[in-house]
Protein backbone atom coordinates (compact mmCIF):
# COMPACT_ATOMS: atom_id res chain seq x y z
CA SER A 1 0.39 16.27 8.22
CA ILE A 2 2.97 18.63 6.94
CA LEU A 3 2.73 22.06 5.49
CA PHE A 4 4.26 23.21 2.34
CA PRO A 5 4.89 26.31 0.99
CA LYS A 6 1.88 27.13 -1.42
CA LYS A 7 -0.60 25.56 1.21
CA ILE A 8 0.69 22.01 -0.33
CA ARG A 9 0.07 19.70 2.66
CA ALA A 10 1.59 16.13 2.89
CA ILE A 11 -0.96 13.84 5.43
CA SER A 12 0.41 10.52 7.06
CA GLU A 13 -3.69 8.38 6.50
CA SER A 14 -4.25 5.11 7.83
CA SER A 15 -4.81 1.78 5.21
CA ASN A 16 -8.40 2.51 5.83
CA ASN A 17 -9.62 3.74 2.41
CA GLU A 18 -12.28 5.42 3.69
CA SER A 19 -10.37 7.64 5.61
CA TRP A 20 -8.89 9.55 2.66
CA GLU A 21 -12.02 10.95 0.52
CA GLY A 22 -12.61 14.87 1.02
CA TYR A 23 -8.86 15.01 0.01
CA THR A 24 -7.45 16.46 -3.09
CA PRO A 25 -4.30 14.49 -3.60
CA VAL A 26 -1.35 15.05 -6.30
CA ALA A 27 0.79 12.45 -5.13
CA ILE A 28 -0.31 9.11 -3.02
CA VAL A 29 2.56 6.48 -2.13
CA LEU A 30 1.06 3.43 -0.98
CA ASP A 31 3.91 1.77 1.12
CA GLU A 32 4.35 -1.88 2.10
CA LEU A 33 1.43 -2.59 0.05
CA SER A 34 2.55 -6.03 -0.45
CA GLY A 35 2.74 -6.75 2.59
CA PHE A 36 -0.92 -6.78 3.02
CA VAL A 37 -1.16 -11.02 2.72
CA SER A 38 -4.54 -12.52 3.94
CA LYS A 39 -7.38 -12.39 1.98
CA SER A 40 -8.90 -9.67 3.17
CA GLU A 41 -6.24 -7.27 3.82
CA ILE A 42 -5.17 -8.07 -0.33
CA ALA A 43 -8.74 -7.36 -0.50
CA ASN A 44 -8.43 -4.01 0.97
CA GLY A 45 -4.90 -3.64 -0.52
CA GLU A 46 -6.99 -3.82 -3.92
CA LYS A 47 -9.54 -1.28 -2.68
CA MET A 48 -6.49 1.02 -1.66
CA LEU A 49 -4.97 1.48 -4.87
CA ALA A 50 -8.47 1.49 -6.97
CA THR A 51 -9.34 4.74 -4.40
CA ALA A 52 -6.40 6.38 -4.99
CA ASN A 53 -6.37 5.54 -8.29
CA SER A 54 -9.88 7.49 -8.99
CA SER A 55 -8.48 10.19 -6.41
CA ILE A 56 -6.34 11.27 -8.85
CA ILE A 57 -8.04 10.44 -12.00
CA SER A 58 -10.33 12.76 -10.95
CA ARG A 59 -7.84 15.86 -10.17
CA ARG A 60 -6.70 15.24 -14.06
CA THR A 61 -6.26 18.32 -16.20
CA SER A 62 -4.68 19.10 -19.60
CA THR A 63 -1.75 20.19 -17.42
CA PHE A 64 -1.34 17.85 -15.22
CA CYS A 65 -1.83 14.43 -13.91
CA GLY A 66 -1.45 13.36 -10.58
CA PHE A 67 0.45 9.70 -9.96
CA VAL A 68 0.28 6.84 -7.28
CA MET A 69 2.93 4.86 -6.20
CA ILE A 70 3.57 1.69 -4.86
CA LEU A 71 7.00 1.41 -3.01
CA SER A 72 6.82 -2.44 -1.49
CA TYR A 73 9.14 -5.53 -1.25
CA PRO A 74 6.52 -8.67 -3.07
CA ARG A 75 5.69 -10.93 -0.51
CA GLN A 76 4.34 -13.83 -2.71
CA GLU A 77 5.73 -15.59 -6.35
CA GLU A 78 1.35 -15.23 -7.33
CA GLY A 79 -1.50 -12.83 -6.58
CA ASP A 80 1.32 -10.29 -5.24
CA ILE A 81 -0.31 -6.60 -5.74
CA THR A 82 3.13 -4.83 -6.29
CA LEU A 83 4.19 -8.00 -8.99
CA ASN A 84 0.62 -7.58 -10.57
CA GLN A 85 1.11 -4.01 -11.27
CA TYR A 86 4.92 -4.77 -12.93
CA LYS A 87 3.62 -6.95 -14.60
CA ARG A 88 0.10 -4.60 -16.00
CA SER A 89 3.73 -2.33 -16.56
CA ILE A 90 5.58 -4.11 -18.83
CA MET A 91 2.97 -5.73 -20.59
CA ARG A 92 2.97 -5.55 -25.11
CA ASP A 93 0.10 -5.67 -27.58
CA PRO A 94 1.08 -8.75 -29.25
CA ARG A 95 0.17 -7.39 -32.35
CA THR A 96 1.87 -3.84 -32.42
CA ASN A 97 4.06 -4.23 -29.49
CA LYS A 98 2.55 -0.80 -28.17
CA LEU A 99 2.88 -1.02 -24.13
CA LEU A 100 -0.71 -2.32 -23.12
CA TYR A 101 -0.81 0.10 -19.76
CA PRO A 102 1.33 3.18 -20.82
CA HIS A 103 0.42 5.04 -17.54
CA ILE A 104 1.77 2.16 -15.69
CA TYR A 105 5.55 3.04 -15.00
CA GLY A 106 7.32 -0.03 -13.42
CA SER A 107 10.66 -0.38 -12.32
CA TYR A 108 12.14 -3.35 -10.25
CA GLY A 109 15.86 -3.52 -9.43
CA PHE A 110 18.20 -5.75 -7.45
CA SER A 111 20.40 -4.94 -4.92
CA TRP A 112 23.73 -4.32 -6.66
CA HIS A 113 21.59 -1.68 -8.99
CA ILE A 114 20.49 0.37 -6.34
CA LYS A 115 23.60 0.37 -4.16
CA PRO A 116 26.46 2.44 -5.08
CA GLN A 117 29.30 1.15 -7.52
CA SER A 118 31.96 1.89 -5.13
CA THR A 119 31.43 -0.88 -2.49
CA PHE A 120 32.01 -3.55 -5.14
CA VAL A 121 35.30 -2.44 -6.61
CA ASN A 122 38.17 -4.43 -5.97
CA PRO A 123 40.77 -2.86 -3.52
CA ALA A 124 43.34 -4.57 -5.57
CA THR A 125 42.48 -4.16 -8.57
CA GLY A 126 40.26 -1.05 -8.64
CA GLU A 127 37.95 -3.03 -10.87
CA ILE A 128 34.81 -4.91 -10.57
CA GLU A 129 34.43 -8.46 -10.17
CA TYR A 130 31.20 -10.05 -11.87
CA PHE A 131 29.66 -13.71 -11.77
CA ILE A 132 27.17 -15.09 -13.85
CA PHE A 133 23.94 -16.24 -11.32
CA LYS A 134 21.60 -18.33 -13.56
CA ASN A 135 17.98 -19.80 -12.17
CA LYS A 136 15.05 -20.60 -14.22
CA ARG A 137 12.67 -18.34 -11.85
CA VAL A 138 15.02 -15.67 -12.12
CA ASN A 139 14.11 -15.23 -16.02
CA LYS A 140 10.42 -14.62 -14.65
CA PHE A 141 11.08 -11.80 -13.16
CA LEU A 142 13.13 -10.58 -16.44
CA ASN A 143 10.31 -11.44 -18.17
CA LYS A 144 11.92 -13.95 -20.27
CA LYS A 145 11.22 -17.64 -21.08
CA GLU A 146 11.74 -20.10 -18.77
CA THR A 147 14.03 -22.04 -21.44
CA ASP A 148 16.16 -18.82 -21.98
CA ASP A 149 19.22 -18.96 -21.10
CA VAL A 150 19.25 -16.14 -19.34
CA GLY A 151 22.32 -14.80 -16.35
CA VAL A 152 21.95 -12.40 -14.38
CA LYS A 153 25.73 -10.59 -13.82
CA VAL A 154 26.12 -10.00 -10.22
CA PRO A 155 29.26 -8.77 -8.29
CA LYS A 156 31.40 -11.08 -6.92
CA PHE A 157 30.30 -9.45 -3.48
CA TYR A 158 27.61 -11.66 -3.41
CA GLU A 159 29.07 -15.01 -4.48
CA GLY A 160 28.87 -16.04 -0.89
CA ASP A 161 24.94 -15.47 -0.50
CA ALA A 162 24.34 -17.30 -3.98
CA ALA A 163 25.25 -20.50 -2.65
CA GLU A 164 21.81 -20.48 -1.22
CA PRO A 165 19.81 -19.45 -4.35
CA GLU A 166 16.15 -19.03 -2.51
CA SER A 167 17.40 -16.71 -0.16
CA PHE A 168 19.83 -14.94 -2.45
CA MET A 169 16.52 -14.24 -4.62
CA THR A 170 14.75 -13.04 -1.31
CA LYS A 171 17.58 -10.71 0.13
CA TYR A 172 18.71 -9.17 -2.90
CA MET A 173 16.50 -10.23 -6.17
CA CYS A 174 12.63 -8.93 -4.31
CA ILE A 175 12.25 -12.13 -5.47
CA PRO A 176 9.79 -13.75 -3.37
CA LYS A 177 10.06 -17.07 -1.96
CA LYS A 178 8.40 -19.55 -3.87
CA ILE A 179 5.12 -20.90 -1.92
């Protein structure tokens, strides 16, 4: 553990959710939660998330609410705990169009959204050149209909990798291989 000023402590714990009892957390980071891939591990990951949420909610006041953060690469297309939380974050009521889970914030990024843009600048032109990558599975992750003709604008830096779509989506778009 690390002790910060004002008696704030960062503690690294195991993936045994019972080991967290007795703490008063203001923030919990669940790193690589999707790495729990067997049935028993997935069940434990769900218990960990439930324990984290209840620990944070029980400390909520009118001026403060802690948070639980999941940082993870999704491991499977269906049933992945990280993807399930992301899907919840974008679900809307069909009648009102309001978010169904406004307390869940999901962020999903491709490598070129996170990597510095200067990496992709063509030194000869000083511009970033793009190509359009189209794949029906990408539509699902962009919350579009499979029939929508949606393409993703990708820096030409990745054009060679995109020749192998499954590998490209896995490596650079956080879209797990279809299983």
